[in-house]
Amino acid sequence: MHALLMILLVIVSLALIVVVLLQSGKSAGLSGAISGGAEQLFGKQKARGMDLILHRVTIVLAVIFFLLTIIVTKF
C-alpha cells in the first residue's frame, strides 16, 4: 500500500510541475507585477481557454498532492 501511494505521489508531483511550467506568465518585469496585481485584484483580467484549464488542473493536482502527502505520512 505504501509503495502504491508513493508511486502515485511521484506521478502527481511530476504532473503538477509540468502543468505549472506550461502556464503562461501573468506579467513581465516589476512594472507588470505592480499593475498586474491591481488588475487581478479588481477582476479586470479573466483567464480564458487553455489558461483556465491549466489553472483548474493545477488546483486539482495541488489538492491531490497535499492529500497524498498527508496519507503517506500516516502510513
PDB file of N, CA and C in Angstrom:
ATOM      1  N   MET A   1       0.829  -1.192   0.000  1.00  0.00           N
ATOM      2  CA  MET A   1       0.000   0.000   0.000  1.00  0.00           C
ATOM      3  C   MET A   1       0.876   1.260   0.000  1.00  0.00           C
ATOM      4  N   HIS A   2       1.915   1.240   0.816  1.00  0.00           N
ATOM      5  CA  HIS A   2       2.810   2.391   0.904  1.00  0.00           C
ATOM      6  C   HIS A   2       3.508   2.638  -0.432  1.00  0.00           C
ATOM      7  N   ALA A   3       3.925   1.566  -1.086  1.00  0.00           N
ATOM      8  CA  ALA A   3       4.619   1.716  -2.369  1.00  0.00           C
ATOM      9  C   ALA A   3       3.676   2.300  -3.423  1.00  0.00           C
ATOM     10  N   LEU A   4       2.439   1.864  -3.447  1.00  0.00           N
ATOM     11  CA  LEU A   4       1.461   2.393  -4.393  1.00  0.00           C
ATOM     12  C   LEU A   4       1.216   3.879  -4.156  1.00  0.00           C
ATOM     13  N   LEU A   5       1.094   4.266  -2.888  1.00  0.00           N
ATOM     14  CA  LEU A   5       0.897   5.684  -2.564  1.00  0.00           C
ATOM     15  C   LEU A   5       2.101   6.524  -2.956  1.00  0.00           C
ATOM     16  N   MET A   6       3.291   5.986  -2.773  1.00  0.00           N
ATOM     17  CA  MET A   6       4.499   6.722  -3.149  1.00  0.00           C
ATOM     18  C   MET A   6       4.593   6.890  -4.668  1.00  0.00           C
ATOM     19  N   ILE A   7       4.216   5.854  -5.406  1.00  0.00           N
ATOM     20  CA  ILE A   7       4.232   5.947  -6.868  1.00  0.00           C
ATOM     21  C   ILE A   7       3.221   6.991  -7.330  1.00  0.00           C
ATOM     22  N   LEU A   8       2.022   6.984  -6.749  1.00  0.00           N
ATOM     23  CA  LEU A   8       1.012   7.985  -7.082  1.00  0.00           C
ATOM     24  C   LEU A   8       1.495   9.391  -6.742  1.00  0.00           C
ATOM     25  N   LEU A   9       2.176   9.520  -5.610  1.00  0.00           N
ATOM     26  CA  LEU A   9       2.690  10.824  -5.191  1.00  0.00           C
ATOM     27  C   LEU A   9       3.735  11.348  -6.180  1.00  0.00           C
ATOM     28  N   VAL A  10       4.599  10.483  -6.653  1.00  0.00           N
ATOM     29  CA  VAL A  10       5.611  10.893  -7.630  1.00  0.00           C
ATOM     30  C   VAL A  10       4.951  11.297  -8.952  1.00  0.00           C
ATOM     31  N   ILE A  11       3.964  10.528  -9.388  1.00  0.00           N
ATOM     32  CA  ILE A  11       3.275  10.846 -10.644  1.00  0.00           C
ATOM     33  C   ILE A  11       2.547  12.185 -10.532  1.00  0.00           C
ATOM     34  N   VAL A  12       1.845  12.395  -9.429  1.00  0.00           N
ATOM     35  CA  VAL A  12       1.123  13.657  -9.229  1.00  0.00           C
ATOM     36  C   VAL A  12       2.108  14.816  -9.129  1.00  0.00           C
ATOM     37  N   SER A  13       3.231  14.605  -8.467  1.00  0.00           N
ATOM     38  CA  SER A  13       4.241  15.662  -8.340  1.00  0.00           C
ATOM     39  C   SER A  13       4.787  16.071  -9.703  1.00  0.00           C
ATOM     40  N   LEU A  14       5.120  15.088 -10.532  1.00  0.00           N
ATOM     41  CA  LEU A  14       5.634  15.393 -11.861  1.00  0.00           C
ATOM     42  C   LEU A  14       4.572  16.077 -12.721  1.00  0.00           C
ATOM     43  N   ALA A  15       3.330  15.627 -12.621  1.00  0.00           N
ATOM     44  CA  ALA A  15       2.248  16.254 -13.385  1.00  0.00           C
ATOM     45  C   ALA A  15       2.041  17.695 -12.937  1.00  0.00           C
ATOM     46  N   LEU A  16       2.128  17.946 -11.632  1.00  0.00           N
ATOM     47  CA  LEU A  16       1.970  19.297 -11.107  1.00  0.00           C
ATOM     48  C   LEU A  16       3.083  20.213 -11.613  1.00  0.00           C
ATOM     49  N   ILE A  17       4.293  19.717 -11.640  1.00  0.00           N
ATOM     50  CA  ILE A  17       5.425  20.501 -12.148  1.00  0.00           C
ATOM     51  C   ILE A  17       5.213  20.841 -13.618  1.00  0.00           C
ATOM     52  N   VAL A  18       4.798  19.864 -14.415  1.00  0.00           N
ATOM     53  CA  VAL A  18       4.590  20.085 -15.847  1.00  0.00           C
ATOM     54  C   VAL A  18       3.474  21.100 -16.083  1.00  0.00           C
ATOM     55  N   VAL A  19       2.371  20.975 -15.350  1.00  0.00           N
ATOM     56  CA  VAL A  19       1.240  21.884 -15.544  1.00  0.00           C
ATOM     57  C   VAL A  19       1.620  23.307 -15.150  1.00  0.00           C
ATOM     58  N   VAL A  20       2.369  23.470 -14.085  1.00  0.00           N
ATOM     59  CA  VAL A  20       2.791  24.812 -13.666  1.00  0.00           C
ATOM     60  C   VAL A  20       3.734  25.419 -14.703  1.00  0.00           C
ATOM     61  N   LEU A  21       4.625  24.616 -15.257  1.00  0.00           N
ATOM     62  CA  LEU A  21       5.547  25.137 -16.262  1.00  0.00           C
ATOM     63  C   LEU A  21       4.857  25.464 -17.580  1.00  0.00           C
ATOM     64  N   LEU A  22       3.744  24.820 -17.872  1.00  0.00           N
ATOM     65  CA  LEU A  22       3.005  25.096 -19.104  1.00  0.00           C
ATOM     66  C   LEU A  22       2.213  26.395 -19.042  1.00  0.00           C
ATOM     67  N   GLN A  23       1.955  26.888 -17.844  1.00  0.00           N
ATOM     68  CA  GLN A  23       1.162  28.106 -17.713  1.00  0.00           C
ATOM     69  C   GLN A  23       1.971  29.314 -18.168  1.00  0.00           C
ATOM     70  N   SER A  24       1.267  30.246 -18.792  1.00  0.00           N
ATOM     71  CA  SER A  24       1.940  31.460 -19.234  1.00  0.00           C
ATOM     72  C   SER A  24       2.081  32.422 -18.061  1.00  0.00           C
ATOM     73  N   GLY A  25       3.107  33.277 -18.146  1.00  0.00           N
ATOM     74  CA  GLY A  25       3.325  34.267 -17.097  1.00  0.00           C
ATOM     75  C   GLY A  25       2.240  35.315 -17.116  1.00  0.00           C
ATOM     76  N   LYS A  26       1.854  35.791 -15.965  1.00  0.00           N
ATOM     77  CA  LYS A  26       0.798  36.797 -15.873  1.00  0.00           C
ATOM     78  C   LYS A  26       1.316  38.199 -16.149  1.00  0.00           C
ATOM     79  N   SER A  27       2.581  38.451 -15.868  1.00  0.00           N
ATOM     80  CA  SER A  27       3.142  39.780 -16.094  1.00  0.00           C
ATOM     81  C   SER A  27       4.640  39.649 -16.366  1.00  0.00           C
ATOM     82  N   ALA A  28       5.201  40.686 -16.932  1.00  0.00           N
ATOM     83  CA  ALA A  28       6.626  40.689 -17.243  1.00  0.00           C
ATOM     84  C   ALA A  28       7.287  41.861 -16.533  1.00  0.00           C
ATOM     85  N   GLY A  29       8.263  41.568 -15.724  1.00  0.00           N
ATOM     86  CA  GLY A  29       9.009  42.621 -15.057  1.00  0.00           C
ATOM     87  C   GLY A  29       8.314  43.175 -13.823  1.00  0.00           C
ATOM     88  N   LEU A  30       8.975  44.123 -13.179  1.00  0.00           N
ATOM     89  CA  LEU A  30       8.462  44.701 -11.944  1.00  0.00           C
ATOM     90  C   LEU A  30       7.247  45.583 -12.189  1.00  0.00           C
ATOM     91  N   SER A  31       7.258  46.367 -13.264  1.00  0.00           N
ATOM     92  CA  SER A  31       6.114  47.235 -13.539  1.00  0.00           C
ATOM     93  C   SER A  31       4.876  46.415 -13.875  1.00  0.00           C
ATOM     94  N   GLY A  32       5.058  45.296 -14.540  1.00  0.00           N
ATOM     95  CA  GLY A  32       3.935  44.423 -14.837  1.00  0.00           C
ATOM     96  C   GLY A  32       3.407  43.748 -13.586  1.00  0.00           C
ATOM     97  N   ALA A  33       4.287  43.488 -12.629  1.00  0.00           N
ATOM     98  CA  ALA A  33       3.848  42.861 -11.384  1.00  0.00           C
ATOM     99  C   ALA A  33       2.967  43.805 -10.582  1.00  0.00           C
ATOM    100  N   ILE A  34       3.293  45.097 -10.598  1.00  0.00           N
ATOM    101  CA  ILE A  34       2.500  46.069  -9.845  1.00  0.00           C
ATOM    102  C   ILE A  34       1.138  46.277 -10.496  1.00  0.00           C
ATOM    103  N   SER A  35       1.127  46.529 -11.796  1.00  0.00           N
ATOM    104  CA  SER A  35      -0.156  46.756 -12.467  1.00  0.00           C
ATOM    105  C   SER A  35      -0.937  45.465 -12.626  1.00  0.00           C
ATOM    106  N   GLY A  36      -0.241  44.357 -12.838  1.00  0.00           N
ATOM    107  CA  GLY A  36      -0.921  43.070 -12.981  1.00  0.00           C
ATOM    108  C   GLY A  36      -1.623  42.658 -11.709  1.00  0.00           C
ATOM    109  N   GLY A  37      -1.030  42.971 -10.564  1.00  0.00           N
ATOM    110  CA  GLY A  37      -1.666  42.659  -9.295  1.00  0.00           C
ATOM    111  C   GLY A  37      -2.931  43.442  -9.081  1.00  0.00           C
ATOM    112  N   ALA A  38      -2.918  44.710  -9.512  1.00  0.00           N
ATOM    113  CA  ALA A  38      -4.116  45.536  -9.374  1.00  0.00           C
ATOM    114  C   ALA A  38      -5.221  45.034 -10.284  1.00  0.00           C
ATOM    115  N   GLU A  39      -4.872  44.637 -11.499  1.00  0.00           N
ATOM    116  CA  GLU A  39      -5.888  44.122 -12.416  1.00  0.00           C
ATOM    117  C   GLU A  39      -6.456  42.815 -11.902  1.00  0.00           C
ATOM    118  N   GLN A  40      -5.610  41.971 -11.358  1.00  0.00           N
ATOM    119  CA  GLN A  40      -6.068  40.695 -10.821  1.00  0.00           C
ATOM    120  C   GLN A  40      -6.976  40.919  -9.617  1.00  0.00           C
ATOM    121  N   LEU A  41      -6.644  41.913  -8.798  1.00  0.00           N
ATOM    122  CA  LEU A  41      -7.411  42.185  -7.592  1.00  0.00           C
ATOM    123  C   LEU A  41      -8.818  42.652  -7.924  1.00  0.00           C
ATOM    124  N   PHE A  42      -8.943  43.494  -8.914  1.00  0.00           N
ATOM    125  CA  PHE A  42     -10.251  44.045  -9.249  1.00  0.00           C
ATOM    126  C   PHE A  42     -10.983  43.245 -10.311  1.00  0.00           C
ATOM    127  N   GLY A  43     -10.416  42.137 -10.766  1.00  0.00           N
ATOM    128  CA  GLY A  43     -11.104  41.227 -11.667  1.00  0.00           C
ATOM    129  C   GLY A  43     -11.225  41.681 -13.100  1.00  0.00           C
ATOM    130  N   LYS A  44     -10.358  42.569 -13.557  1.00  0.00           N
ATOM    131  CA  LYS A  44     -10.429  43.027 -14.941  1.00  0.00           C
ATOM    132  C   LYS A  44      -9.804  42.035 -15.903  1.00  0.00           C
ATOM    133  N   GLN A  45      -8.967  41.158 -15.369  1.00  0.00           N
ATOM    134  CA  GLN A  45      -8.270  40.211 -16.218  1.00  0.00           C
ATOM    135  C   GLN A  45      -8.824  38.816 -15.951  1.00  0.00           C
ATOM    136  N   LYS A  46      -9.500  38.259 -16.924  1.00  0.00           N
ATOM    137  CA  LYS A  46     -10.106  36.937 -16.777  1.00  0.00           C
ATOM    138  C   LYS A  46      -9.279  35.921 -17.561  1.00  0.00           C
ATOM    139  N   ALA A  47      -9.109  34.749 -16.970  1.00  0.00           N
ATOM    140  CA  ALA A  47      -8.406  33.677 -17.668  1.00  0.00           C
ATOM    141  C   ALA A  47      -9.367  33.018 -18.652  1.00  0.00           C
ATOM    142  N   ARG A  48      -8.869  32.716 -19.845  1.00  0.00           N
ATOM    143  CA  ARG A  48      -9.707  32.110 -20.872  1.00  0.00           C
ATOM    144  C   ARG A  48      -8.978  30.959 -21.529  1.00  0.00           C
ATOM    145  N   GLY A  49      -9.743  30.040 -22.044  1.00  0.00           N
ATOM    146  CA  GLY A  49      -9.199  28.964 -22.855  1.00  0.00           C
ATOM    147  C   GLY A  49      -8.266  28.048 -22.092  1.00  0.00           C
ATOM    148  N   MET A  50      -7.084  27.873 -22.670  1.00  0.00           N
ATOM    149  CA  MET A  50      -6.111  26.940 -22.123  1.00  0.00           C
ATOM    150  C   MET A  50      -5.611  27.389 -20.751  1.00  0.00           C
ATOM    151  N   ASP A  51      -5.479  28.684 -20.530  1.00  0.00           N
ATOM    152  CA  ASP A  51      -5.031  29.174 -19.223  1.00  0.00           C
ATOM    153  C   ASP A  51      -6.012  28.795 -18.125  1.00  0.00           C
ATOM    154  N   LEU A  52      -7.302  28.865 -18.419  1.00  0.00           N
ATOM    155  CA  LEU A  52      -8.316  28.491 -17.432  1.00  0.00           C
ATOM    156  C   LEU A  52      -8.258  27.007 -17.127  1.00  0.00           C
ATOM    157  N   ILE A  53      -8.084  26.191 -18.164  1.00  0.00           N
ATOM    158  CA  ILE A  53      -7.984  24.745 -17.967  1.00  0.00           C
ATOM    159  C   ILE A  53      -6.752  24.407 -17.140  1.00  0.00           C
ATOM    160  N   LEU A  54      -5.622  25.006 -17.488  1.00  0.00           N
ATOM    161  CA  LEU A  54      -4.386  24.741 -16.735  1.00  0.00           C
ATOM    162  C   LEU A  54      -4.501  25.208 -15.293  1.00  0.00           C
ATOM    163  N   HIS A  55      -5.195  26.320 -15.068  1.00  0.00           N
ATOM    164  CA  HIS A  55      -5.391  26.817 -13.705  1.00  0.00           C
ATOM    165  C   HIS A  55      -6.211  25.822 -12.881  1.00  0.00           C
ATOM    166  N   ARG A  56      -7.273  25.322 -13.463  1.00  0.00           N
ATOM    167  CA  ARG A  56      -8.122  24.362 -12.740  1.00  0.00           C
ATOM    168  C   ARG A  56      -7.412  23.036 -12.507  1.00  0.00           C
ATOM    169  N   VAL A  57      -6.645  22.575 -13.501  1.00  0.00           N
ATOM    170  CA  VAL A  57      -5.883  21.336 -13.341  1.00  0.00           C
ATOM    171  C   VAL A  57      -4.835  21.499 -12.252  1.00  0.00           C
ATOM    172  N   THR A  58      -4.218  22.673 -12.180  1.00  0.00           N
ATOM    173  CA  THR A  58      -3.230  22.944 -11.137  1.00  0.00           C
ATOM    174  C   THR A  58      -3.856  22.854  -9.751  1.00  0.00           C
ATOM    175  N   ILE A  59      -5.035  23.414  -9.605  1.00  0.00           N
ATOM    176  CA  ILE A  59      -5.720  23.363  -8.301  1.00  0.00           C
ATOM    177  C   ILE A  59      -6.040  21.927  -7.914  1.00  0.00           C
ATOM    178  N   VAL A  60      -6.567  21.161  -8.865  1.00  0.00           N
ATOM    179  CA  VAL A  60      -6.925  19.765  -8.583  1.00  0.00           C
ATOM    180  C   VAL A  60      -5.679  18.951  -8.224  1.00  0.00           C
ATOM    181  N   LEU A  61      -4.616  19.113  -8.998  1.00  0.00           N
ATOM    182  CA  LEU A  61      -3.388  18.364  -8.718  1.00  0.00           C
ATOM    183  C   LEU A  61      -2.769  18.779  -7.389  1.00  0.00           C
ATOM    184  N   ALA A  62      -2.853  20.052  -7.044  1.00  0.00           N
ATOM    185  CA  ALA A  62      -2.308  20.500  -5.761  1.00  0.00           C
ATOM    186  C   ALA A  62      -3.075  19.893  -4.597  1.00  0.00           C
ATOM    187  N   VAL A  63      -4.392  19.834  -4.706  1.00  0.00           N
ATOM    188  CA  VAL A  63      -5.198  19.228  -3.644  1.00  0.00           C
ATOM    189  C   VAL A  63      -4.875  17.745  -3.520  1.00  0.00           C
ATOM    190  N   ILE A  64      -4.779  17.043  -4.655  1.00  0.00           N
ATOM    191  CA  ILE A  64      -4.426  15.623  -4.630  1.00  0.00           C
ATOM    192  C   ILE A  64      -3.047  15.427  -4.036  1.00  0.00           C
ATOM    193  N   PHE A  65      -2.103  16.298  -4.398  1.00  0.00           N
ATOM    194  CA  PHE A  65      -0.744  16.210  -3.863  1.00  0.00           C
ATOM    195  C   PHE A  65      -0.727  16.331  -2.342  1.00  0.00           C
ATOM    196  N   PHE A  66      -1.438  17.331  -1.813  1.00  0.00           N
ATOM    197  CA  PHE A  66      -1.452  17.521  -0.369  1.00  0.00           C
ATOM    198  C   PHE A  66      -2.152  16.364   0.344  1.00  0.00           C
ATOM    199  N   LEU A  67      -3.233  15.880  -0.229  1.00  0.00           N
ATOM    200  CA  LEU A  67      -3.914  14.741   0.391  1.00  0.00           C
ATOM    201  C   LEU A  67      -3.040  13.492   0.393  1.00  0.00           C
ATOM    202  N   LEU A  68      -2.384  13.223  -0.735  1.00  0.00           N
ATOM    203  CA  LEU A  68      -1.496  12.066  -0.793  1.00  0.00           C
ATOM    204  C   LEU A  68      -0.321  12.208   0.174  1.00  0.00           C
ATOM    205  N   THR A  69       0.193  13.414   0.306  1.00  0.00           N
ATOM    206  CA  THR A  69       1.310  13.652   1.234  1.00  0.00           C
ATOM    207  C   THR A  69       0.886  13.373   2.665  1.00  0.00           C
ATOM    208  N   ILE A  70      -0.295  13.842   3.039  1.00  0.00           N
ATOM    209  CA  ILE A  70      -0.797  13.592   4.388  1.00  0.00           C
ATOM    210  C   ILE A  70      -1.040  12.105   4.613  1.00  0.00           C
ATOM    211  N   ILE A  71      -1.606  11.432   3.620  1.00  0.00           N
ATOM    212  CA  ILE A  71      -1.882   9.996   3.751  1.00  0.00           C
ATOM    213  C   ILE A  71      -0.578   9.208   3.854  1.00  0.00           C
ATOM    214  N   VAL A  72       0.430   9.585   3.065  1.00  0.00           N
ATOM    215  CA  VAL A  72       1.718   8.866   3.108  1.00  0.00           C
ATOM    216  C   VAL A  72       2.378   9.040   4.472  1.00  0.00           C
ATOM    217  N   THR A  73       2.256  10.202   5.084  1.00  0.00           N
ATOM    218  CA  THR A  73       2.889  10.403   6.390  1.00  0.00           C
ATOM    219  C   THR A  73       2.180   9.602   7.492  1.00  0.00           C
ATOM    220  N   LYS A  74       0.917   9.254   7.284  1.00  0.00           N
ATOM    221  CA  LYS A  74       0.188   8.474   8.277  1.00  0.00           C
ATOM    222  C   LYS A  74       0.596   7.006   8.256  1.00  0.00           C
ATOM    223  N   PHE A  75       1.059   6.525   7.084  1.00  0.00           N
ATOM    224  CA  PHE A  75       1.411   5.098   6.973  1.00  0.00           C
ATOM    225  C   PHE A  75       2.844   4.887   7.293  1.00  0.00           C
TER     226      PHE A  75
END
